[in-house]
């Protein structure tokens, strides 16, 4: 395990933690960085998925009070049961579609060209939704209906295209469903837990043969870096969104996507 591989794994972990819960596509950033760096660690797709557990551990830690209270009162609290039900309803579509379309998603869509294009398309969509979203009617996760939660789950399926961003799809989908910006962002955090745990477990099952001792060490480094940076992001993201909205993320996506499309075009020509 050379120092360059260690540094690259740490950088990828930092980027994962910084971008996982923001509407800028963590998977897209990792695909582009792995391509630019020529990352030669463990199987790239496996690395991208597993280090997300560091980010999930971070959001679980930040919201541990609500998660533990919900689990403790499932038997005697209607709000706790409803909160659990809407999370499961939103998770269901991606669980089914992900299992059925796994091979196509991994083999066809994971490319820098797809990511760059979807960064731009997603950025434009975010600007339009911010401008024309309906007046919010739901101001807490416990107020969200099962039907609207299921709709958010179908929006999350769109994020299986790398570059769309799971956070962007669920947050923007929630806002279109009449959920206010802060609640949609928090709901996206909670929905990430079952979604990403399931994706990681499935990917490990499919790619276990690619792991070796060196690969595990690099994944561990990425995992730790993702955990630390995600802690910071989760604790500050809602406040930032409340003050500035999603336009800064949209413009960043568009700029990054256009730059990467320019780089890809330059590579093709030369």
Foldseek 3Di string as FASTA:
>chain_A
DDPLLLVLLLVLLLLLLQPQLAQFFSLLVQLVSCVVSVRDFFDSVLLSQLLVVLLLVLLCVVCVVVVVVLVVCCPPDPLSVLLVLLLVLLQVVCLVCCVVCVVCLVPPQSHNLQQLVLLLVLLVVQVVLVVDFDAADAEASSPDDSVLSNQLSVLLNVPSRGNRHSNSSNQSSSSNVRHDNLRSSVSSSSSCNVNSVSVSVVVCVVCVVRDDPRNVVSSVSSNNSSNVSNNVCVVCVSVVCVVPNRNVSSVVSNVVSVVSVVVVVVVVVD
